């Protein structure tokens, strides 16, 4: 098993963590009831696509 030989700098750690960001889910309005839902999913309010 590998053992770390040197401490990583803060900038190197930050470079690795740049891809760990969260993205907000894309929401569209339901054409039937107007409630927001995920695209290509059934509406949780009225059940229509």
PDB file of N, CA and C in Angstrom:
ATOM      1  N   UNK A   1       0.834  -1.178   0.000  1.00  0.00           N
ATOM      2  CA  UNK A   1       0.000   0.000   0.000  1.00  0.00           C
ATOM      3  C   UNK A   1       0.879   1.242   0.000  1.00  0.00           C
ATOM      4  N   UNK A   2       0.485   2.263  -0.748  1.00  0.00           N
ATOM      5  CA  UNK A   2       1.299   3.462  -0.885  1.00  0.00           C
ATOM      6  C   UNK A   2       1.236   4.309   0.379  1.00  0.00           C
ATOM      7  N   UNK A   3       2.387   4.889   0.707  1.00  0.00           N
ATOM      8  CA  UNK A   3       2.486   5.782   1.850  1.00  0.00           C
ATOM      9  C   UNK A   3       2.934   7.149   1.337  1.00  0.00           C
ATOM     10  N   UNK A   4       2.245   8.187   1.778  1.00  0.00           N
ATOM     11  CA  UNK A   4       2.557   9.536   1.329  1.00  0.00           C
ATOM     12  C   UNK A   4       3.933   9.951   1.834  1.00  0.00           C
ATOM     13  N   UNK A   5       4.753  10.499   0.937  1.00  0.00           N
ATOM     14  CA  UNK A   5       6.108  10.911   1.300  1.00  0.00           C
ATOM     15  C   UNK A   5       6.183  12.390   1.642  1.00  0.00           C
ATOM     16  N   UNK A   6       5.376  13.219   0.967  1.00  0.00           N
ATOM     17  CA  UNK A   6       5.396  14.666   1.202  1.00  0.00           C
ATOM     18  C   UNK A   6       3.961  15.181   1.320  1.00  0.00           C
ATOM     19  N   UNK A   7       3.832  16.272   2.035  1.00  0.00           N
ATOM     20  CA  UNK A   7       2.524  16.887   2.197  1.00  0.00           C
ATOM     21  C   UNK A   7       2.141  17.629   0.916  1.00  0.00           C
ATOM     22  N   UNK A   8       0.893  17.479   0.480  1.00  0.00           N
ATOM     23  CA  UNK A   8       0.407  18.211  -0.686  1.00  0.00           C
ATOM     24  C   UNK A   8       0.132  19.661  -0.303  1.00  0.00           C
ATOM     25  N   UNK A   9       0.449  20.570  -1.233  1.00  0.00           N
ATOM     26  CA  UNK A   9       0.180  21.981  -0.983  1.00  0.00           C
ATOM     27  C   UNK A   9      -1.325  22.253  -1.088  1.00  0.00           C
ATOM     28  N   UNK A  10      -1.738  23.393  -0.570  1.00  0.00           N
ATOM     29  CA  UNK A  10      -3.155  23.764  -0.628  1.00  0.00           C
ATOM     30  C   UNK A  10      -3.615  23.975  -2.059  1.00  0.00           C
ATOM     31  N   UNK A  11      -2.724  24.526  -2.905  1.00  0.00           N
ATOM     32  CA  UNK A  11      -3.115  24.766  -4.300  1.00  0.00           C
ATOM     33  C   UNK A  11      -3.287  23.453  -5.052  1.00  0.00           C
ATOM     34  N   UNK A  12      -2.466  22.466  -4.789  1.00  0.00           N
ATOM     35  CA  UNK A  12      -2.599  21.167  -5.453  1.00  0.00           C
ATOM     36  C   UNK A  12      -3.889  20.465  -5.021  1.00  0.00           C
ATOM     37  N   UNK A  13      -4.201  20.563  -3.740  1.00  0.00           N
ATOM     38  CA  UNK A  13      -5.443  19.981  -3.237  1.00  0.00           C
ATOM     39  C   UNK A  13      -6.643  20.680  -3.851  1.00  0.00           C
ATOM     40  N   UNK A  14      -6.571  22.007  -3.983  1.00  0.00           N
ATOM     41  CA  UNK A  14      -7.671  22.777  -4.566  1.00  0.00           C
ATOM     42  C   UNK A  14      -7.851  22.451  -6.040  1.00  0.00           C
ATOM     43  N   UNK A  15      -6.744  22.210  -6.758  1.00  0.00           N
ATOM     44  CA  UNK A  15      -6.835  21.843  -8.172  1.00  0.00           C
ATOM     45  C   UNK A  15      -7.574  20.520  -8.341  1.00  0.00           C
ATOM     46  N   UNK A  16      -7.340  19.587  -7.449  1.00  0.00           N
ATOM     47  CA  UNK A  16      -8.019  18.296  -7.513  1.00  0.00           C
ATOM     48  C   UNK A  16      -9.507  18.440  -7.185  1.00  0.00           C
ATOM     49  N   UNK A  17      -9.828  19.349  -6.297  1.00  0.00           N
ATOM     50  CA  UNK A  17     -11.216  19.492  -5.841  1.00  0.00           C
ATOM     51  C   UNK A  17     -12.072  20.404  -6.716  1.00  0.00           C
ATOM     52  N   UNK A  18     -11.523  20.945  -7.795  1.00  0.00           N
ATOM     53  CA  UNK A  18     -12.305  21.830  -8.647  1.00  0.00           C
ATOM     54  C   UNK A  18     -13.465  21.100  -9.306  1.00  0.00           C
ATOM     55  N   UNK A  19     -13.369  19.788  -9.462  1.00  0.00           N
ATOM     56  CA  UNK A  19     -14.407  19.018 -10.130  1.00  0.00           C
ATOM     57  C   UNK A  19     -15.440  18.459  -9.153  1.00  0.00           C
ATOM     58  N   UNK A  20     -15.330  18.769  -7.870  1.00  0.00           N
ATOM     59  CA  UNK A  20     -16.257  18.245  -6.867  1.00  0.00           C
ATOM     60  C   UNK A  20     -17.460  19.141  -6.650  1.00  0.00           C
ATOM     61  N   UNK A  21     -17.690  20.094  -7.558  1.00  0.00           N
ATOM     62  CA  UNK A  21     -18.749  21.072  -7.340  1.00  0.00           C
ATOM     63  C   UNK A  21     -20.128  20.449  -7.582  1.00  0.00           C
ATOM     64  N   UNK A  22     -21.129  21.009  -6.959  1.00  0.00           N
ATOM     65  CA  UNK A  22     -22.514  20.583  -7.128  1.00  0.00           C
ATOM     66  C   UNK A  22     -23.168  21.402  -8.223  1.00  0.00           C
ATOM     67  N   UNK A  23     -24.066  20.767  -8.960  1.00  0.00           N
ATOM     68  CA  UNK A  23     -24.824  21.486  -9.981  1.00  0.00           C
ATOM     69  C   UNK A  23     -26.301  21.407  -9.627  1.00  0.00           C
ATOM     70  N   UNK A  24     -27.017  22.496  -9.821  1.00  0.00           N
ATOM     71  CA  UNK A  24     -28.446  22.522  -9.542  1.00  0.00           C
ATOM     72  C   UNK A  24     -29.175  21.704 -10.603  1.00  0.00           C
ATOM     73  N   UNK A  25     -30.213  20.948 -10.224  1.00  0.00           N
ATOM     74  CA  UNK A  25     -30.931  20.156 -11.215  1.00  0.00           C
ATOM     75  C   UNK A  25     -31.707  21.044 -12.185  1.00  0.00           C
ATOM     76  N   UNK A  26     -31.768  20.611 -13.434  1.00  0.00           N
ATOM     77  CA  UNK A  26     -32.523  21.341 -14.450  1.00  0.00           C
ATOM     78  C   UNK A  26     -34.005  21.068 -14.238  1.00  0.00           C
ATOM     79  N   UNK A  27     -34.794  22.120 -14.165  1.00  0.00           N
ATOM     80  CA  UNK A  27     -36.228  21.982 -13.943  1.00  0.00           C
ATOM     81  C   UNK A  27     -36.989  22.632 -15.085  1.00  0.00           C
ATOM     82  N   UNK A  28     -38.103  22.012 -15.472  1.00  0.00           N
ATOM     83  CA  UNK A  28     -38.994  22.569 -16.494  1.00  0.00           C
ATOM     84  C   UNK A  28     -40.401  22.602 -15.919  1.00  0.00           C
ATOM     85  N   UNK A  29     -41.236  23.486 -16.454  1.00  0.00           N
ATOM     86  CA  UNK A  29     -42.616  23.571 -15.993  1.00  0.00           C
ATOM     87  C   UNK A  29     -43.446  22.461 -16.627  1.00  0.00           C
ATOM     88  N   UNK A  30     -44.312  21.851 -15.852  1.00  0.00           N
ATOM     89  CA  UNK A  30     -45.233  20.839 -16.351  1.00  0.00           C
ATOM     90  C   UNK A  30     -46.258  21.537 -17.255  1.00  0.00           C
ATOM     91  N   UNK A  31     -46.490  21.015 -18.471  1.00  0.00           N
ATOM     92  CA  UNK A  31     -47.454  21.685 -19.349  1.00  0.00           C
ATOM     93  C   UNK A  31     -48.889  21.597 -18.843  1.00  0.00           C
ATOM     94  N   UNK A  32     -49.185  20.633 -17.973  1.00  0.00           N
ATOM     95  CA  UNK A  32     -50.549  20.453 -17.482  1.00  0.00           C
ATOM     96  C   UNK A  32     -50.857  21.334 -16.268  1.00  0.00           C
ATOM     97  N   UNK A  33     -50.015  21.189 -15.221  1.00  0.00           N
ATOM     98  CA  UNK A  33     -50.340  21.877 -13.968  1.00  0.00           C
ATOM     99  C   UNK A  33     -49.424  23.064 -13.679  1.00  0.00           C
ATOM    100  N   UNK A  34     -48.306  23.207 -14.384  1.00  0.00           N
ATOM    101  CA  UNK A  34     -47.413  24.333 -14.163  1.00  0.00           C
ATOM    102  C   UNK A  34     -46.406  24.129 -13.052  1.00  0.00           C
ATOM    103  N   UNK A  35     -46.419  22.960 -12.421  1.00  0.00           N
ATOM    104  CA  UNK A  35     -45.458  22.638 -11.361  1.00  0.00           C
ATOM    105  C   UNK A  35     -44.093  22.346 -11.989  1.00  0.00           C
ATOM    106  N   UNK A  36     -42.999  22.670 -11.282  1.00  0.00           N
ATOM    107  CA  UNK A  36     -41.673  22.369 -11.799  1.00  0.00           C
ATOM    108  C   UNK A  36     -41.367  20.892 -11.613  1.00  0.00           C
ATOM    109  N   UNK A  37     -40.731  20.291 -12.632  1.00  0.00           N
ATOM    110  CA  UNK A  37     -40.394  18.871 -12.596  1.00  0.00           C
ATOM    111  C   UNK A  37     -39.105  18.653 -13.361  1.00  0.00           C
ATOM    112  N   UNK A  38     -38.527  17.453 -13.234  1.00  0.00           N
ATOM    113  CA  UNK A  38     -37.342  17.096 -14.003  1.00  0.00           C
ATOM    114  C   UNK A  38     -37.741  16.808 -15.439  1.00  0.00           C
ATOM    115  N   UNK A  39     -36.926  17.208 -16.422  1.00  0.00           N
ATOM    116  CA  UNK A  39     -37.274  16.930 -17.807  1.00  0.00           C
ATOM    117  C   UNK A  39     -37.255  15.426 -18.083  1.00  0.00           C
ATOM    118  N   UNK A  40     -38.172  14.952 -18.931  1.00  0.00           N
ATOM    119  CA  UNK A  40     -38.302  13.546 -19.324  1.00  0.00           C
ATOM    120  C   UNK A  40     -38.712  12.656 -18.151  1.00  0.00           C
ATOM    121  N   UNK A  41     -39.341  13.220 -17.147  1.00  0.00           N
ATOM    122  CA  UNK A  41     -39.859  12.474 -16.000  1.00  0.00           C
ATOM    123  C   UNK A  41     -41.336  12.821 -15.820  1.00  0.00           C
ATOM    124  N   UNK A  42     -42.066  11.916 -15.194  1.00  0.00           N
ATOM    125  CA  UNK A  42     -43.465  12.180 -14.885  1.00  0.00           C
ATOM    126  C   UNK A  42     -43.560  13.222 -13.788  1.00  0.00           C
ATOM    127  N   UNK A  43     -44.592  14.048 -13.872  1.00  0.00           N
ATOM    128  CA  UNK A  43     -44.812  15.096 -12.884  1.00  0.00           C
ATOM    129  C   UNK A  43     -45.223  14.447 -11.550  1.00  0.00           C
ATOM    130  N   UNK A  44     -44.641  14.915 -10.459  1.00  0.00           N
ATOM    131  CA  UNK A  44     -44.993  14.363  -9.146  1.00  0.00           C
ATOM    132  C   UNK A  44     -46.332  14.889  -8.649  1.00  0.00           C
ATOM    133  N   UNK A  45     -46.783  16.004  -9.207  1.00  0.00           N
ATOM    134  CA  UNK A  45     -48.049  16.606  -8.766  1.00  0.00           C
ATOM    135  C   UNK A  45     -49.252  15.981  -9.472  1.00  0.00           C
ATOM    136  N   UNK A  46     -49.217  15.959 -10.831  1.00  0.00           N
ATOM    137  CA  UNK A  46     -50.385  15.485 -11.567  1.00  0.00           C
ATOM    138  C   UNK A  46     -50.149  14.139 -12.267  1.00  0.00           C
ATOM    139  N   UNK A  47     -48.896  13.706 -12.402  1.00  0.00           N
ATOM    140  CA  UNK A  47     -48.602  12.403 -12.981  1.00  0.00           C
ATOM    141  C   UNK A  47     -48.451  12.388 -14.494  1.00  0.00           C
ATOM    142  N   UNK A  48     -48.619  13.525 -15.158  1.00  0.00           N
ATOM    143  CA  UNK A  48     -48.488  13.551 -16.619  1.00  0.00           C
ATOM    144  C   UNK A  48     -47.029  13.795 -16.993  1.00  0.00           C
ATOM    145  N   UNK A  49     -46.702  13.505 -18.245  1.00  0.00           N
ATOM    146  CA  UNK A  49     -45.349  13.771 -18.728  1.00  0.00           C
ATOM    147  C   UNK A  49     -45.289  15.192 -19.120  1.00  0.00           C
TER     148      UNK A  49
END
